[in-house]
Amino acid sequence: PIGLNSAGLGVSVFNLQDTRSEGFEQASVTVQVLAWELLLGQHSLASALALIRSLPVPMMTGFALLLADASGAVTCELNPGGAAFGDLRVDIPVVRANHALLEQSLASFGASKKHQESSERRQEALATQLSKFREGTSKASEASKPLDTAAAMLLLRQAKKVRNSTTLAMIAMDLSQGQLRVEFRERQPISEKEIKQLALELHMTPKALNRILAKGRLRMDMQRPRLATGEEAK
């Protein structure tokens, strides 16, 4: 789960590979249960942090939460050994990925060197793109404003290494407006006739086009109904 509640709390979840396994051997809390409690329980940032600190049992696995509301943002890193909390950040961008940042979490962080370097590159790429976005804003007053969901999506698209052909969705939240925006990569069937026609239009061989299609790297409007209607559930 990821989202925002009616109290204005935004919850983002980041998986962290952790070497501790005692969470599987005793009563523990999963990240899904905690995230849903923060969202459905209508917690604020203050009450969310108080809840996490008061949990009577440990977490099952390692993960990080980025929690934010109108009062600021806090990074929490949790594992079966306990919880670590970053400083409250107010009017300062917080950028993170899937590696441990807080000292208490570093000892048991178990990702491979390759995985950690990849996560660090994604974080650095997003931070760089955010800095460029701020610098490119003409007015200082505009540069200090929070991004709305459309601007956040544009920033994510432009940040190299942050997403690739395996990324299924991008999610942006605007806490001030109470908005959540999702861009979902949907796979659509394509016929052999359409492949041949498309290959001609793109000046590619059908074989080369099939390789691109298999990796989900071709984005276009097929003029077909989406998998979801956008209508309210009944």
Protein backbone atom coordinates (compact mmCIF):
# COMPACT_ATOMS: atom_id res chain seq x y z
CA PRO A 1 0.00 0.00 0.00
CA ILE A 2 1.02 3.56 -0.76
CA GLY A 3 -1.15 6.61 -0.58
CA LEU A 4 -2.57 9.41 1.54
CA ASN A 5 -5.39 9.56 4.03
CA SER A 6 -8.03 12.17 4.79
CA ALA A 7 -5.91 13.49 7.68
CA GLY A 8 -3.30 14.61 5.14
CA LEU A 9 -0.66 11.93 5.84
CA GLY A 10 1.25 10.58 2.84
CA VAL A 11 2.79 7.09 3.15
CA SER A 12 5.47 5.74 0.80
CA VAL A 13 7.04 2.29 1.23
CA PHE A 14 10.57 1.25 0.20
CA ASN A 15 11.78 -2.35 0.43
CA LEU A 16 15.11 -2.83 2.21
CA GLN A 17 16.97 -6.13 2.13
CA ASP A 18 17.84 -7.00 5.72
CA THR A 19 19.94 -9.82 7.16
CA ARG A 20 17.88 -10.22 10.33
CA SER A 21 15.41 -13.11 10.16
CA GLU A 22 14.00 -13.34 13.70
CA GLY A 23 10.87 -11.55 12.53
CA PHE A 24 9.79 -14.80 10.88
CA GLU A 25 10.30 -16.77 14.11
CA GLN A 26 8.07 -14.79 16.46
CA ALA A 27 5.00 -12.59 16.56
CA SER A 28 5.71 -9.64 14.26
CA VAL A 29 4.10 -6.96 12.10
CA THR A 30 4.30 -6.87 8.31
CA VAL A 31 4.83 -3.69 6.33
CA GLN A 32 1.41 -4.13 4.72
CA VAL A 33 -0.38 -4.20 8.07
CA LEU A 34 1.48 -1.12 9.33
CA ALA A 35 0.93 0.89 6.15
CA TRP A 36 -2.78 0.10 6.04
CA GLU A 37 -3.14 1.06 9.72
CA LEU A 38 -1.47 4.43 9.06
CA LEU A 39 -3.76 5.09 6.10
CA LEU A 40 -7.08 3.70 7.31
CA GLY A 41 -6.50 4.82 10.90
CA GLN A 42 -6.38 8.43 9.67
CA HIS A 43 -3.09 9.13 11.42
CA SER A 44 -1.18 12.39 11.25
CA LEU A 45 2.61 12.39 11.04
CA ALA A 46 2.88 12.86 14.81
CA SER A 47 0.49 10.03 15.67
CA ALA A 48 2.06 7.77 13.02
CA LEU A 49 5.50 8.17 14.59
CA ALA A 50 4.01 7.59 18.06
CA LEU A 51 2.31 4.40 16.85
CA ILE A 52 5.52 3.01 15.32
CA ARG A 53 7.48 3.75 18.50
CA SER A 54 4.84 2.00 20.64
CA LEU A 55 4.53 -1.24 18.65
CA PRO A 56 4.68 -4.15 21.13
CA VAL A 57 6.20 -6.60 18.61
CA PRO A 58 8.98 -6.18 16.01
CA MET A 59 8.62 -5.85 12.26
CA MET A 60 8.80 -9.03 10.21
CA THR A 61 11.20 -7.74 7.55
CA GLY A 62 13.27 -4.69 6.65
CA PHE A 63 11.71 -1.70 4.92
CA ALA A 64 11.60 2.08 4.99
CA LEU A 65 8.71 4.51 5.20
CA LEU A 66 8.68 8.09 4.04
CA LEU A 67 5.92 9.80 6.02
CA ALA A 68 4.80 13.37 5.38
CA ASP A 69 2.01 15.80 6.14
CA ALA A 70 1.69 19.58 6.44
CA SER A 71 4.07 19.58 9.43
CA GLY A 72 7.00 18.04 7.49
CA ALA A 73 8.49 14.72 6.43
CA VAL A 74 10.32 11.93 8.29
CA THR A 75 12.13 8.85 7.03
CA CYS A 76 11.69 5.70 9.14
CA GLU A 77 13.75 2.54 8.60
CA LEU A 78 12.45 -0.58 10.31
CA ASN A 79 13.61 -4.17 10.70
CA PRO A 80 13.18 -6.96 13.27
CA GLY A 81 15.77 -5.24 15.47
CA GLY A 82 13.82 -2.02 15.85
CA ALA A 83 13.08 1.30 14.18
CA ALA A 84 15.33 4.20 13.24
CA PHE A 85 13.99 7.70 12.60
CA GLY A 86 15.46 10.51 10.56
CA ASP A 87 15.11 14.19 11.39
CA LEU A 88 11.92 16.10 10.67
CA ARG A 89 12.41 17.88 7.34
CA VAL A 90 10.40 21.02 6.67
CA ASP A 91 10.52 22.77 3.27
CA ILE A 92 13.52 20.60 2.33
CA PRO A 93 13.21 17.95 -0.40
CA VAL A 94 13.66 14.36 0.78
CA VAL A 95 14.95 11.91 -1.84
CA ARG A 96 15.49 8.22 -1.17
CA ALA A 97 15.55 4.81 -2.84
CA ASN A 98 15.96 1.19 -1.68
CA HIS A 99 19.08 1.32 0.45
CA ALA A 100 19.56 2.13 4.13
CA LEU A 101 20.37 5.74 4.99
CA LEU A 102 20.23 5.79 8.79
CA GLU A 103 23.15 4.54 10.87
CA GLN A 104 21.06 2.18 12.99
CA SER A 105 19.92 0.33 9.86
CA LEU A 106 23.28 0.04 8.13
CA ALA A 107 24.58 -2.82 10.29
CA SER A 108 21.94 -5.29 9.13
CA PHE A 109 21.34 -3.97 5.59
CA GLY A 110 21.99 -7.02 3.44
CA ALA A 111 21.74 -5.97 -0.20
CA SER A 112 24.53 -6.91 -2.58
CA LYS A 113 27.03 -4.29 -3.67
CA LYS A 114 25.42 -4.24 -7.12
CA HIS A 115 21.95 -3.70 -5.67
CA GLN A 116 23.11 -0.91 -3.37
CA GLU A 117 25.01 0.87 -6.13
CA SER A 118 21.95 0.68 -8.37
CA SER A 119 19.76 2.14 -5.62
CA GLU A 120 22.29 4.91 -4.97
CA ARG A 121 22.38 5.79 -8.67
CA ARG A 122 18.58 6.07 -8.78
CA GLN A 123 18.56 8.30 -5.74
CA GLU A 124 21.32 10.51 -7.12
CA ALA A 125 19.61 10.74 -10.53
CA LEU A 126 16.34 11.86 -8.96
CA ALA A 127 18.08 14.37 -6.71
CA THR A 128 19.94 15.78 -9.72
CA GLN A 129 16.78 16.08 -11.77
CA LEU A 130 14.96 17.77 -8.89
CA SER A 131 17.80 20.28 -8.56
CA LYS A 132 17.67 21.00 -12.31
CA PHE A 133 13.92 21.44 -12.11
CA ARG A 134 14.26 23.98 -9.30
CA GLU A 135 17.04 25.85 -11.08
CA GLY A 136 15.01 25.99 -14.28
CA THR A 137 12.08 27.68 -12.57
CA SER A 138 12.10 31.36 -13.42
CA LYS A 139 10.76 32.74 -10.14
CA ALA A 140 12.25 32.03 -6.74
CA SER A 141 8.75 31.90 -5.25
CA GLU A 142 7.77 29.18 -7.74
CA ALA A 143 10.96 27.17 -7.09
CA SER A 144 10.14 26.89 -3.39
CA LYS A 145 6.61 25.60 -3.97
CA PRO A 146 5.85 21.88 -3.63
CA LEU A 147 5.43 20.01 -6.90
CA ASP A 148 1.94 19.14 -8.00
CA THR A 149 1.27 15.64 -9.35
CA ALA A 150 1.72 16.64 -13.01
CA ALA A 151 5.12 18.25 -12.33
CA ALA A 152 6.19 15.27 -10.22
CA MET A 153 5.34 12.86 -13.04
CA LEU A 154 7.29 14.99 -15.52
CA LEU A 155 10.29 15.00 -13.19
CA LEU A 156 10.17 11.20 -12.85
CA ARG A 157 10.02 10.75 -16.63
CA GLN A 158 13.07 12.97 -17.10
CA ALA A 159 15.18 11.39 -14.34
CA LYS A 160 17.47 8.87 -16.01
CA LYS A 161 18.03 5.52 -14.25
CA VAL A 162 14.97 6.05 -12.03
CA ARG A 163 12.66 3.93 -14.18
CA ASN A 164 13.15 1.40 -16.95
CA SER A 165 11.19 -1.02 -19.12
CA THR A 166 10.22 -3.13 -16.08
CA THR A 167 8.60 -0.22 -14.22
CA LEU A 168 4.87 -0.92 -14.11
CA ALA A 169 3.62 2.32 -12.57
CA MET A 170 4.57 5.78 -11.36
CA ILE A 171 2.74 7.34 -8.42
CA ALA A 172 2.70 10.97 -7.33
CA MET A 173 0.94 12.51 -4.32
CA ASP A 174 0.02 16.13 -3.70
CA LEU A 175 -0.71 16.34 0.02
CA SER A 176 -1.77 19.99 -0.10
CA GLN A 177 -4.47 19.19 -2.67
CA GLY A 178 -5.26 15.68 -1.42
CA GLN A 179 -4.52 14.19 -4.82
CA LEU A 180 -2.92 10.91 -5.86
CA ARG A 181 -1.99 10.32 -9.51
CA VAL A 182 -1.03 6.97 -11.03
CA GLU A 183 0.41 6.33 -14.48
CA PHE A 184 0.15 2.59 -15.14
CA ARG A 185 1.97 0.86 -17.96
CA GLU A 186 -0.62 -1.38 -19.53
CA ARG A 187 0.21 -4.18 -21.93
CA GLN A 188 -2.11 -4.51 -24.93
CA PRO A 189 -2.29 -7.44 -27.40
CA ILE A 190 -1.01 -6.82 -30.92
CA SER A 191 -1.64 -8.89 -34.04
CA GLU A 192 0.92 -10.03 -36.59
CA LYS A 193 -0.71 -7.71 -39.13
CA GLU A 194 -0.28 -4.75 -36.78
CA ILE A 195 3.35 -5.70 -36.11
CA LYS A 196 4.12 -5.70 -39.83
CA GLN A 197 2.39 -2.35 -40.34
CA LEU A 198 4.10 -0.81 -37.32
CA ALA A 199 7.49 -2.13 -38.44
CA LEU A 200 7.03 -0.36 -41.78
CA GLU A 201 6.08 2.89 -40.08
CA LEU A 202 9.08 2.74 -37.73
CA HIS A 203 11.49 1.51 -40.44
CA MET A 204 12.32 -1.62 -38.44
CA THR A 205 12.26 -5.33 -39.14
CA PRO A 206 9.40 -7.28 -37.50
CA LYS A 207 12.01 -9.27 -35.56
CA ALA A 208 13.60 -6.12 -34.10
CA LEU A 209 10.18 -4.68 -33.30
CA ASN A 210 9.16 -7.88 -31.51
CA ARG A 211 12.21 -7.57 -29.25
CA ILE A 212 11.18 -4.04 -28.29
CA LEU A 213 7.57 -5.09 -27.73
CA ALA A 214 8.64 -7.98 -25.50
CA LYS A 215 10.53 -5.54 -23.26
CA GLY A 216 7.60 -3.14 -23.05
CA ARG A 217 9.61 -0.26 -24.50
CA LEU A 218 7.10 0.92 -27.09
CA ARG A 219 4.60 3.44 -25.80
CA MET A 220 1.68 4.40 -28.00
CA ASP A 221 -2.09 4.77 -28.06
CA MET A 222 -3.66 1.67 -29.62
CA GLN A 223 -7.13 3.29 -29.55
CA ARG A 224 -8.43 0.44 -27.41
CA PRO A 225 -10.29 0.37 -24.09
CA ARG A 226 -8.11 0.42 -20.99
CA LEU A 227 -8.22 -2.49 -18.56
CA ALA A 228 -9.89 -0.20 -16.02
CA THR A 229 -12.93 1.90 -16.91
CA GLY A 230 -12.30 4.71 -14.42
CA GLU A 231 -15.87 4.32 -13.19
CA GLU A 232 -16.68 4.09 -9.50
CA ALA A 233 -16.83 0.57 -8.03
CA LYS A 234 -20.33 -0.67 -7.25
